[in-house]
Amino acid sequence: MGLELYLDLLSQPCRSIYIFARSNNIPFEFKHVELMKGQHRTEEFRKVNILMKVPALKDGSFTLAESPWVLAMTCLRRGRSWQSGAGRWRKRWGSSSSRKPMKGS
């Protein structure tokens, strides 16, 4: 079994995961979940994600349901090189999204 991504491309978090996986040549099986039709609220999808939210990632028996963790797991499939870039960003800017480092960083 390979990586399965349960996504609806109308959702911005789903699109970001889809774009990242495609641009980094990460092999995955795209499982389309139509939010407008309520497919995320079916019993079938509940077996994938008990929270009934997308995006969701399934890798064998392992399942993730929160978009930041799905993106992080997808990044790990690419390799660990993305972590060094994140480390350099944190050193320069701290852990805030503003241009000023946070106090204590």
PDB file of N, CA and C in Angstrom:
ATOM      1  N   MET A   1       0.840  -1.192   0.000  1.00  0.00           N
ATOM      2  CA  MET A   1       0.000   0.000   0.000  1.00  0.00           C
ATOM      3  C   MET A   1       0.877   1.245   0.000  1.00  0.00           C
ATOM      4  N   GLY A   2       0.451   2.237  -0.740  1.00  0.00           N
ATOM      5  CA  GLY A   2       1.186   3.487  -0.800  1.00  0.00           C
ATOM      6  C   GLY A   2       0.497   4.574  -0.011  1.00  0.00           C
ATOM      7  N   LEU A   3       0.955   5.745  -0.213  1.00  0.00           N
ATOM      8  CA  LEU A   3       0.420   6.928   0.450  1.00  0.00           C
ATOM      9  C   LEU A   3      -0.909   7.317  -0.195  1.00  0.00           C
ATOM     10  N   GLU A   4      -1.943   7.507   0.614  1.00  0.00           N
ATOM     11  CA  GLU A   4      -3.249   7.950   0.130  1.00  0.00           C
ATOM     12  C   GLU A   4      -3.541   9.321   0.734  1.00  0.00           C
ATOM     13  N   LEU A   5      -3.896  10.273  -0.113  1.00  0.00           N
ATOM     14  CA  LEU A   5      -4.260  11.605   0.347  1.00  0.00           C
ATOM     15  C   LEU A   5      -5.731  11.832   0.047  1.00  0.00           C
ATOM     16  N   TYR A   6      -6.509  12.103   1.080  1.00  0.00           N
ATOM     17  CA  TYR A   6      -7.932  12.392   0.960  1.00  0.00           C
ATOM     18  C   TYR A   6      -8.089  13.904   0.946  1.00  0.00           C
ATOM     19  N   LEU A   7      -8.471  14.432  -0.213  1.00  0.00           N
ATOM     20  CA  LEU A   7      -8.462  15.873  -0.422  1.00  0.00           C
ATOM     21  C   LEU A   7      -9.686  16.337  -1.192  1.00  0.00           C
ATOM     22  N   ASP A   8     -10.043  17.595  -0.985  1.00  0.00           N
ATOM     23  CA  ASP A   8     -10.967  18.313  -1.858  1.00  0.00           C
ATOM     24  C   ASP A   8     -10.222  19.574  -2.268  1.00  0.00           C
ATOM     25  N   LEU A   9      -9.958  19.725  -3.538  1.00  0.00           N
ATOM     26  CA  LEU A   9      -9.126  20.834  -4.004  1.00  0.00           C
ATOM     27  C   LEU A   9      -9.810  22.188  -3.892  1.00  0.00           C
ATOM     28  N   LEU A  10     -11.070  22.224  -3.445  1.00  0.00           N
ATOM     29  CA  LEU A  10     -11.709  23.504  -3.124  1.00  0.00           C
ATOM     30  C   LEU A  10     -11.186  24.052  -1.797  1.00  0.00           C
ATOM     31  N   SER A  11     -10.562  23.203  -1.004  1.00  0.00           N
ATOM     32  CA  SER A  11     -10.033  23.583   0.309  1.00  0.00           C
ATOM     33  C   SER A  11      -8.584  24.030   0.162  1.00  0.00           C
ATOM     34  N   GLN A  12      -8.252  25.198   0.692  1.00  0.00           N
ATOM     35  CA  GLN A  12      -6.888  25.728   0.593  1.00  0.00           C
ATOM     36  C   GLN A  12      -5.871  24.805   1.262  1.00  0.00           C
ATOM     37  N   PRO A  13      -6.115  24.279   2.479  1.00  0.00           N
ATOM     38  CA  PRO A  13      -5.123  23.361   3.057  1.00  0.00           C
ATOM     39  C   PRO A  13      -4.911  22.116   2.195  1.00  0.00           C
ATOM     40  N   CYS A  14      -5.970  21.617   1.583  1.00  0.00           N
ATOM     41  CA  CYS A  14      -5.844  20.457   0.696  1.00  0.00           C
ATOM     42  C   CYS A  14      -5.016  20.794  -0.531  1.00  0.00           C
ATOM     43  N   ARG A  15      -5.259  21.967  -1.105  1.00  0.00           N
ATOM     44  CA  ARG A  15      -4.496  22.385  -2.286  1.00  0.00           C
ATOM     45  C   ARG A  15      -3.015  22.500  -1.975  1.00  0.00           C
ATOM     46  N   SER A  16      -2.673  23.036  -0.807  1.00  0.00           N
ATOM     47  CA  SER A  16      -1.258  23.202  -0.464  1.00  0.00           C
ATOM     48  C   SER A  16      -0.564  21.852  -0.353  1.00  0.00           C
ATOM     49  N   ILE A  17      -1.226  20.875   0.211  1.00  0.00           N
ATOM     50  CA  ILE A  17      -0.648  19.537   0.328  1.00  0.00           C
ATOM     51  C   ILE A  17      -0.526  18.890  -1.047  1.00  0.00           C
ATOM     52  N   TYR A  18      -1.554  19.041  -1.865  1.00  0.00           N
ATOM     53  CA  TYR A  18      -1.552  18.475  -3.215  1.00  0.00           C
ATOM     54  C   TYR A  18      -0.423  19.077  -4.053  1.00  0.00           C
ATOM     55  N   ILE A  19      -0.293  20.396  -4.017  1.00  0.00           N
ATOM     56  CA  ILE A  19       0.746  21.078  -4.792  1.00  0.00           C
ATOM     57  C   ILE A  19       2.133  20.666  -4.316  1.00  0.00           C
ATOM     58  N   PHE A  20       2.319  20.594  -3.003  1.00  0.00           N
ATOM     59  CA  PHE A  20       3.629  20.187  -2.472  1.00  0.00           C
ATOM     60  C   PHE A  20       3.985  18.778  -2.918  1.00  0.00           C
ATOM     61  N   ALA A  21       3.047  17.855  -2.796  1.00  0.00           N
ATOM     62  CA  ALA A  21       3.319  16.462  -3.163  1.00  0.00           C
ATOM     63  C   ALA A  21       3.618  16.327  -4.652  1.00  0.00           C
ATOM     64  N   ARG A  22       2.837  17.003  -5.482  1.00  0.00           N
ATOM     65  CA  ARG A  22       3.052  16.920  -6.928  1.00  0.00           C
ATOM     66  C   ARG A  22       4.377  17.564  -7.336  1.00  0.00           C
ATOM     67  N   SER A  23       4.681  18.740  -6.793  1.00  0.00           N
ATOM     68  CA  SER A  23       5.898  19.446  -7.205  1.00  0.00           C
ATOM     69  C   SER A  23       7.167  18.753  -6.724  1.00  0.00           C
ATOM     70  N   ASN A  24       7.052  17.916  -5.698  1.00  0.00           N
ATOM     71  CA  ASN A  24       8.217  17.193  -5.186  1.00  0.00           C
ATOM     72  C   ASN A  24       8.232  15.726  -5.598  1.00  0.00           C
ATOM     73  N   ASN A  25       7.368  15.378  -6.557  1.00  0.00           N
ATOM     74  CA  ASN A  25       7.327  14.017  -7.104  1.00  0.00           C
ATOM     75  C   ASN A  25       7.142  12.943  -6.036  1.00  0.00           C
ATOM     76  N   ILE A  26       6.294  13.229  -5.066  1.00  0.00           N
ATOM     77  CA  ILE A  26       5.970  12.249  -4.035  1.00  0.00           C
ATOM     78  C   ILE A  26       4.820  11.395  -4.563  1.00  0.00           C
ATOM     79  N   PRO A  27       5.024  10.088  -4.691  1.00  0.00           N
ATOM     80  CA  PRO A  27       3.938   9.257  -5.213  1.00  0.00           C
ATOM     81  C   PRO A  27       2.815   9.118  -4.189  1.00  0.00           C
ATOM     82  N   PHE A  28       1.593   9.356  -4.636  1.00  0.00           N
ATOM     83  CA  PHE A  28       0.440   9.217  -3.754  1.00  0.00           C
ATOM     84  C   PHE A  28      -0.780   8.879  -4.585  1.00  0.00           C
ATOM     85  N   GLU A  29      -1.756   8.312  -3.908  1.00  0.00           N
ATOM     86  CA  GLU A  29      -3.036   8.033  -4.539  1.00  0.00           C
ATOM     87  C   GLU A  29      -4.006   9.120  -4.087  1.00  0.00           C
ATOM     88  N   PHE A  30      -4.555   9.830  -5.050  1.00  0.00           N
ATOM     89  CA  PHE A  30      -5.475  10.936  -4.766  1.00  0.00           C
ATOM     90  C   PHE A  30      -6.876  10.378  -4.547  1.00  0.00           C
ATOM     91  N   LYS A  31      -7.416  10.623  -3.355  1.00  0.00           N
ATOM     92  CA  LYS A  31      -8.774  10.210  -3.020  1.00  0.00           C
ATOM     93  C   LYS A  31      -9.615  11.480  -2.900  1.00  0.00           C
ATOM     94  N   HIS A  32     -10.481  11.713  -3.874  1.00  0.00           N
ATOM     95  CA  HIS A  32     -11.275  12.933  -3.896  1.00  0.00           C
ATOM     96  C   HIS A  32     -12.456  12.811  -2.935  1.00  0.00           C
ATOM     97  N   VAL A  33     -12.547  13.757  -2.006  1.00  0.00           N
ATOM     98  CA  VAL A  33     -13.651  13.832  -1.054  1.00  0.00           C
ATOM     99  C   VAL A  33     -14.387  15.135  -1.340  1.00  0.00           C
ATOM    100  N   GLU A  34     -15.605  15.040  -1.819  1.00  0.00           N
ATOM    101  CA  GLU A  34     -16.362  16.245  -2.177  1.00  0.00           C
ATOM    102  C   GLU A  34     -17.065  16.809  -0.942  1.00  0.00           C
ATOM    103  N   LEU A  35     -16.519  17.916  -0.444  1.00  0.00           N
ATOM    104  CA  LEU A  35     -17.077  18.552   0.750  1.00  0.00           C
ATOM    105  C   LEU A  35     -18.485  19.087   0.507  1.00  0.00           C
ATOM    106  N   MET A  36     -18.716  19.644  -0.676  1.00  0.00           N
ATOM    107  CA  MET A  36     -20.022  20.233  -0.979  1.00  0.00           C
ATOM    108  C   MET A  36     -21.133  19.178  -1.000  1.00  0.00           C
ATOM    109  N   LYS A  37     -20.770  17.928  -1.246  1.00  0.00           N
ATOM    110  CA  LYS A  37     -21.755  16.842  -1.243  1.00  0.00           C
ATOM    111  C   LYS A  37     -21.813  16.123   0.103  1.00  0.00           C
ATOM    112  N   GLY A  38     -20.969  16.540   1.042  1.00  0.00           N
ATOM    113  CA  GLY A  38     -20.974  15.943   2.377  1.00  0.00           C
ATOM    114  C   GLY A  38     -20.294  14.589   2.457  1.00  0.00           C
ATOM    115  N   GLN A  39     -19.427  14.278   1.521  1.00  0.00           N
ATOM    116  CA  GLN A  39     -18.763  12.983   1.533  1.00  0.00           C
ATOM    117  C   GLN A  39     -17.847  12.795   2.740  1.00  0.00           C
ATOM    118  N   HIS A  40     -17.435  13.885   3.363  1.00  0.00           N
ATOM    119  CA  HIS A  40     -16.585  13.783   4.547  1.00  0.00           C
ATOM    120  C   HIS A  40     -17.383  13.374   5.786  1.00  0.00           C
ATOM    121  N   ARG A  41     -18.688  13.331   5.684  1.00  0.00           N
ATOM    122  CA  ARG A  41     -19.540  12.960   6.823  1.00  0.00           C
ATOM    123  C   ARG A  41     -20.110  11.553   6.713  1.00  0.00           C
ATOM    124  N   THR A  42     -19.632  10.785   5.766  1.00  0.00           N
ATOM    125  CA  THR A  42     -20.135   9.425   5.588  1.00  0.00           C
ATOM    126  C   THR A  42     -19.424   8.465   6.538  1.00  0.00           C
ATOM    127  N   GLU A  43     -20.040   7.325   6.783  1.00  0.00           N
ATOM    128  CA  GLU A  43     -19.419   6.303   7.630  1.00  0.00           C
ATOM    129  C   GLU A  43     -18.144   5.754   6.995  1.00  0.00           C
ATOM    130  N   GLU A  44     -18.124   5.688   5.673  1.00  0.00           N
ATOM    131  CA  GLU A  44     -16.940   5.204   4.963  1.00  0.00           C
ATOM    132  C   GLU A  44     -15.741   6.109   5.237  1.00  0.00           C
ATOM    133  N   PHE A  45     -15.949   7.431   5.174  1.00  0.00           N
ATOM    134  CA  PHE A  45     -14.848   8.363   5.439  1.00  0.00           C
ATOM    135  C   PHE A  45     -14.521   8.410   6.924  1.00  0.00           C
ATOM    136  N   ARG A  46     -15.489   8.173   7.767  1.00  0.00           N
ATOM    137  CA  ARG A  46     -15.255   8.161   9.214  1.00  0.00           C
ATOM    138  C   ARG A  46     -14.229   7.094   9.587  1.00  0.00           C
ATOM    139  N   LYS A  47     -14.144   6.011   8.798  1.00  0.00           N
ATOM    140  CA  LYS A  47     -13.144   4.974   9.043  1.00  0.00           C
ATOM    141  C   LYS A  47     -11.739   5.490   8.759  1.00  0.00           C
ATOM    142  N   VAL A  48     -11.621   6.456   7.856  1.00  0.00           N
ATOM    143  CA  VAL A  48     -10.331   7.064   7.537  1.00  0.00           C
ATOM    144  C   VAL A  48      -9.991   8.125   8.570  1.00  0.00           C
ATOM    145  N   ASN A  49     -10.958   8.995   8.879  1.00  0.00           N
ATOM    146  CA  ASN A  49     -10.730  10.109   9.795  1.00  0.00           C
ATOM    147  C   ASN A  49     -11.945  10.265  10.703  1.00  0.00           C
ATOM    148  N   ILE A  50     -11.770   9.923  11.938  1.00  0.00           N
ATOM    149  CA  ILE A  50     -12.875   9.989  12.894  1.00  0.00           C
ATOM    150  C   ILE A  50     -13.365  11.425  13.109  1.00  0.00           C
ATOM    151  N   LEU A  51     -12.498  12.406  12.832  1.00  0.00           N
ATOM    152  CA  LEU A  51     -12.887  13.808  12.956  1.00  0.00           C
ATOM    153  C   LEU A  51     -13.731  14.274  11.770  1.00  0.00           C
ATOM    154  N   MET A  52     -13.739  13.470  10.699  1.00  0.00           N
ATOM    155  CA  MET A  52     -14.492  13.763   9.475  1.00  0.00           C
ATOM    156  C   MET A  52     -14.077  15.091   8.843  1.00  0.00           C
ATOM    157  N   LYS A  53     -12.756  15.302   8.754  1.00  0.00           N
ATOM    158  CA  LYS A  53     -12.216  16.525   8.148  1.00  0.00           C
ATOM    159  C   LYS A  53     -11.175  16.147   7.107  1.00  0.00           C
ATOM    160  N   VAL A  54     -11.023  17.026   6.121  1.00  0.00           N
ATOM    161  CA  VAL A  54      -9.943  16.883   5.153  1.00  0.00           C
ATOM    162  C   VAL A  54      -8.976  18.031   5.370  1.00  0.00           C
ATOM    163  N   PRO A  55      -7.730  17.888   5.058  1.00  0.00           N
ATOM    164  CA  PRO A  55      -7.101  16.753   4.430  1.00  0.00           C
ATOM    165  C   PRO A  55      -6.860  15.623   5.422  1.00  0.00           C
ATOM    166  N   ALA A  56      -6.720  14.433   4.871  1.00  0.00           N
ATOM    167  CA  ALA A  56      -6.357  13.261   5.660  1.00  0.00           C
ATOM    168  C   ALA A  56      -5.327  12.475   4.861  1.00  0.00           C
ATOM    169  N   LEU A  57      -4.430  11.852   5.585  1.00  0.00           N
ATOM    170  CA  LEU A  57      -3.366  11.070   4.971  1.00  0.00           C
ATOM    171  C   LEU A  57      -3.439   9.665   5.539  1.00  0.00           C
ATOM    172  N   LYS A  58      -3.318   8.681   4.682  1.00  0.00           N
ATOM    173  CA  LYS A  58      -3.299   7.295   5.133  1.00  0.00           C
ATOM    174  C   LYS A  58      -2.113   6.617   4.487  1.00  0.00           C
ATOM    175  N   ASP A  59      -1.287   6.003   5.303  1.00  0.00           N
ATOM    176  CA  ASP A  59      -0.115   5.279   4.833  1.00  0.00           C
ATOM    177  C   ASP A  59      -0.152   3.905   5.485  1.00  0.00           C
ATOM    178  N   GLY A  60      -0.726   2.925   4.801  1.00  0.00           N
ATOM    179  CA  GLY A  60      -0.937   1.610   5.393  1.00  0.00           C
ATOM    180  C   GLY A  60      -1.989   1.716   6.477  1.00  0.00           C
ATOM    181  N   SER A  61      -1.645   1.348   7.697  1.00  0.00           N
ATOM    182  CA  SER A  61      -2.593   1.450   8.806  1.00  0.00           C
ATOM    183  C   SER A  61      -2.447   2.765   9.570  1.00  0.00           C
ATOM    184  N   PHE A  62      -1.456   3.577   9.193  1.00  0.00           N
ATOM    185  CA  PHE A  62      -1.192   4.862   9.849  1.00  0.00           C
ATOM    186  C   PHE A  62      -2.027   5.960   9.204  1.00  0.00           C
ATOM    187  N   THR A  63      -2.727   6.753  10.030  1.00  0.00           N
ATOM    188  CA  THR A  63      -3.587   7.819   9.522  1.00  0.00           C
ATOM    189  C   THR A  63      -3.302   9.123  10.252  1.00  0.00           C
ATOM    190  N   LEU A  64      -3.278  10.230   9.494  1.00  0.00           N
ATOM    191  CA  LEU A  64      -3.164  11.578  10.054  1.00  0.00           C
ATOM    192  C   LEU A  64      -4.345  12.403   9.585  1.00  0.00           C
ATOM    193  N   ALA A  65      -4.811  13.328  10.436  1.00  0.00           N
ATOM    194  CA  ALA A  65      -6.025  14.051  10.101  1.00  0.00           C
ATOM    195  C   ALA A  65      -5.937  15.565  10.184  1.00  0.00           C
ATOM    196  N   GLU A  66      -4.891  16.134  10.707  1.00  0.00           N
ATOM    197  CA  GLU A  66      -4.789  17.586  10.818  1.00  0.00           C
ATOM    198  C   GLU A  66      -3.854  18.111   9.737  1.00  0.00           C
ATOM    199  N   SER A  67      -4.241  19.184   9.045  1.00  0.00           N
ATOM    200  CA  SER A  67      -3.500  19.643   7.870  1.00  0.00           C
ATOM    201  C   SER A  67      -2.025  19.954   8.136  1.00  0.00           C
ATOM    202  N   PRO A  68      -1.638  20.568   9.258  1.00  0.00           N
ATOM    203  CA  PRO A  68      -0.190  20.804   9.437  1.00  0.00           C
ATOM    204  C   PRO A  68       0.598  19.501   9.549  1.00  0.00           C
ATOM    205  N   TRP A  69       0.027  18.509  10.181  1.00  0.00           N
ATOM    206  CA  TRP A  69       0.713  17.226  10.336  1.00  0.00           C
ATOM    207  C   TRP A  69       0.726  16.449   9.035  1.00  0.00           C
ATOM    208  N   VAL A  70      -0.344  16.569   8.255  1.00  0.00           N
ATOM    209  CA  VAL A  70      -0.373  15.916   6.948  1.00  0.00           C
ATOM    210  C   VAL A  70       0.724  16.507   6.071  1.00  0.00           C
ATOM    211  N   LEU A  71       0.871  17.819   6.075  1.00  0.00           N
ATOM    212  CA  LEU A  71       1.911  18.468   5.287  1.00  0.00           C
ATOM    213  C   LEU A  71       3.300  18.058   5.779  1.00  0.00           C
ATOM    214  N   ALA A  72       3.488  18.005   7.097  1.00  0.00           N
ATOM    215  CA  ALA A  72       4.788  17.600   7.648  1.00  0.00           C
ATOM    216  C   ALA A  72       5.127  16.168   7.257  1.00  0.00           C
ATOM    217  N   MET A  73       4.154  15.278   7.326  1.00  0.00           N
ATOM    218  CA  MET A  73       4.393  13.879   6.950  1.00  0.00           C
ATOM    219  C   MET A  73       4.707  13.773   5.458  1.00  0.00           C
ATOM    220  N   THR A  74       4.019  14.553   4.650  1.00  0.00           N
ATOM    221  CA  THR A  74       4.285  14.560   3.215  1.00  0.00           C
ATOM    222  C   THR A  74       5.711  15.061   2.956  1.00  0.00           C
ATOM    223  N   CYS A  75       6.141  16.064   3.729  1.00  0.00           N
ATOM    224  CA  CYS A  75       7.512  16.575   3.607  1.00  0.00           C
ATOM    225  C   CYS A  75       8.535  15.492   3.937  1.00  0.00           C
ATOM    226  N   LEU A  76       8.252  14.693   4.950  1.00  0.00           N
ATOM    227  CA  LEU A  76       9.185  13.638   5.332  1.00  0.00           C
ATOM    228  C   LEU A  76       9.324  12.594   4.234  1.00  0.00           C
ATOM    229  N   ARG A  77       8.269  12.389   3.452  1.00  0.00           N
ATOM    230  CA  ARG A  77       8.353  11.457   2.327  1.00  0.00           C
ATOM    231  C   ARG A  77       9.338  11.986   1.279  1.00  0.00           C
ATOM    232  N   ARG A  78       9.478  13.288   1.211  1.00  0.00           N
ATOM    233  CA  ARG A  78      10.392  13.917   0.259  1.00  0.00           C
ATOM    234  C   ARG A  78      11.832  13.721   0.710  1.00  0.00           C
ATOM    235  N   GLY A  79      12.068  13.774   2.009  1.00  0.00           N
ATOM    236  CA  GLY A  79      13.414  13.681   2.556  1.00  0.00           C
ATOM    237  C   GLY A  79      13.569  14.709   3.662  1.00  0.00           C
ATOM    238  N   ARG A  80      14.643  14.631   4.355  1.00  0.00           N
ATOM    239  CA  ARG A  80      14.848  15.516   5.498  1.00  0.00           C
ATOM    240  C   ARG A  80      15.500  16.849   5.127  1.00  0.00           C
ATOM    241  N   SER A  81      15.792  17.085   3.865  1.00  0.00           N
ATOM    242  CA  SER A  81      16.485  18.312   3.464  1.00  0.00           C
ATOM    243  C   SER A  81      15.660  19.557   3.750  1.00  0.00           C
ATOM    244  N   TRP A  82      14.317  19.441   3.765  1.00  0.00           N
ATOM    245  CA  TRP A  82      13.471  20.603   4.038  1.00  0.00           C
ATOM    246  C   TRP A  82      13.678  21.111   5.457  1.00  0.00           C
ATOM    247  N   GLN A  83      14.124  20.238   6.381  1.00  0.00           N
ATOM    248  CA  GLN A  83      14.296  20.645   7.773  1.00  0.00           C
ATOM    249  C   GLN A  83      15.446  21.621   7.937  1.00  0.00           C
ATOM    250  N   SER A  84      16.513  21.475   7.152  1.00  0.00           N
ATOM    251  CA  SER A  84      17.637  22.406   7.283  1.00  0.00           C
ATOM    252  C   SER A  84      17.206  23.798   6.850  1.00  0.00           C
ATOM    253  N   GLY A  85      16.369  23.897   5.824  1.00  0.00           N
ATOM    254  CA  GLY A  85      15.852  25.195   5.392  1.00  0.00           C
ATOM    255  C   GLY A  85      14.988  25.824   6.467  1.00  0.00           C
ATOM    256  N   ALA A  86      14.166  25.015   7.133  1.00  0.00           N
ATOM    257  CA  ALA A  86      13.326  25.525   8.219  1.00  0.00           C
ATOM    258  C   ALA A  86      14.187  25.994   9.388  1.00  0.00           C
ATOM    259  N   GLY A  87      15.279  25.273   9.659  1.00  0.00           N
ATOM    260  CA  GLY A  87      16.175  25.670  10.744  1.00  0.00           C
ATOM    261  C   GLY A  87      16.848  27.004  10.471  1.00  0.00           C
ATOM    262  N   ARG A  88      17.270  27.211   9.233  1.00  0.00           N
ATOM    263  CA  ARG A  88      17.882  28.498   8.875  1.00  0.00           C
ATOM    264  C   ARG A  88      16.871  29.635   9.004  1.00  0.00           C
ATOM    265  N   TRP A  89      15.619  29.391   8.610  1.00  0.00           N
ATOM    266  CA  TRP A  89      14.570  30.410   8.711  1.00  0.00           C
ATOM    267  C   TRP A  89      14.334  30.772  10.176  1.00  0.00           C
ATOM    268  N   ARG A  90      14.261  29.752  11.051  1.00  0.00           N
ATOM    269  CA  ARG A  90      14.027  30.021  12.479  1.00  0.00           C
ATOM    270  C   ARG A  90      15.181  30.807  13.090  1.00  0.00           C
ATOM    271  N   LYS A  91      16.425  30.498  12.683  1.00  0.00           N
ATOM    272  CA  LYS A  91      17.567  31.233  13.224  1.00  0.00           C
ATOM    273  C   LYS A  91      17.498  32.700  12.834  1.00  0.00           C
ATOM    274  N   ARG A  92      17.086  32.957  11.610  1.00  0.00           N
ATOM    275  CA  ARG A  92      17.060  34.340  11.141  1.00  0.00           C
ATOM    276  C   ARG A  92      15.868  35.111  11.679  1.00  0.00           C
ATOM    277  N   TRP A  93      14.688  34.522  11.638  1.00  0.00           N
ATOM    278  CA  TRP A  93      13.470  35.257  11.957  1.00  0.00           C
ATOM    279  C   TRP A  93      12.827  34.849  13.276  1.00  0.00           C
ATOM    280  N   GLY A  94      13.322  33.858  13.945  1.00  0.00           N
ATOM    281  CA  GLY A  94      12.658  33.383  15.154  1.00  0.00           C
ATOM    282  C   GLY A  94      11.466  32.518  14.767  1.00  0.00           C
ATOM    283  N   SER A  95      10.601  32.246  15.711  1.00  0.00           N
ATOM    284  CA  SER A  95       9.472  31.357  15.420  1.00  0.00           C
ATOM    285  C   SER A  95       8.199  32.124  15.108  1.00  0.00           C
ATOM    286  N   SER A  96       8.301  33.443  14.906  1.00  0.00           N
ATOM    287  CA  SER A  96       7.122  34.215  14.534  1.00  0.00           C
ATOM    288  C   SER A  96       7.084  34.390  13.020  1.00  0.00           C
ATOM    289  N   SER A  97       5.943  34.782  12.512  1.00  0.00           N
ATOM    290  CA  SER A  97       5.838  34.998  11.077  1.00  0.00           C
ATOM    291  C   SER A  97       6.198  36.434  10.700  1.00  0.00           C
ATOM    292  N   SER A  98       6.447  37.276  11.697  1.00  0.00           N
ATOM    293  CA  SER A  98       6.839  38.648  11.390  1.00  0.00           C
ATOM    294  C   SER A  98       8.335  38.681  11.096  1.00  0.00           C
ATOM    295  N   ARG A  99       8.828  39.819  10.668  1.00  0.00           N
ATOM    296  CA  ARG A  99      10.244  39.920  10.317  1.00  0.00           C
ATOM    297  C   ARG A  99      11.137  40.112  11.532  1.00  0.00           C
ATOM    298  N   LYS A 100      10.561  40.286  12.702  1.00  0.00           N
ATOM    299  CA  LYS A 100      11.362  40.470  13.900  1.00  0.00           C
ATOM    300  C   LYS A 100      11.377  39.177  14.703  1.00  0.00           C
ATOM    301  N   PRO A 101      12.564  38.752  15.173  1.00  0.00           N
ATOM    302  CA  PRO A 101      12.607  37.553  16.020  1.00  0.00           C
ATOM    303  C   PRO A 101      11.832  37.772  17.318  1.00  0.00           C
ATOM    304  N   MET A 102      11.261  36.692  17.812  1.00  0.00           N
ATOM    305  CA  MET A 102      10.533  36.785  19.076  1.00  0.00           C
ATOM    306  C   MET A 102      11.510  36.969  20.217  1.00  0.00           C
ATOM    307  N   LYS A 103      11.059  37.577  21.298  1.00  0.00           N
ATOM    308  CA  LYS A 103      11.924  37.755  22.459  1.00  0.00           C
ATOM    309  C   LYS A 103      12.329  36.399  22.995  1.00  0.00           C
ATOM    310  N   GLY A 104      13.582  36.279  23.370  1.00  0.00           N
ATOM    311  CA  GLY A 104      14.093  35.031  23.905  1.00  0.00           C
ATOM    312  C   GLY A 104      14.602  34.082  22.832  1.00  0.00           C
ATOM    313  N   SER A 105      14.476  34.457  21.541  1.00  0.00           N
ATOM    314  CA  SER A 105      14.962  33.587  20.459  1.00  0.00           C
ATOM    315  C   SER A 105      16.396  33.907  20.156  1.00  0.00           C
TER     316      SER A 105
END
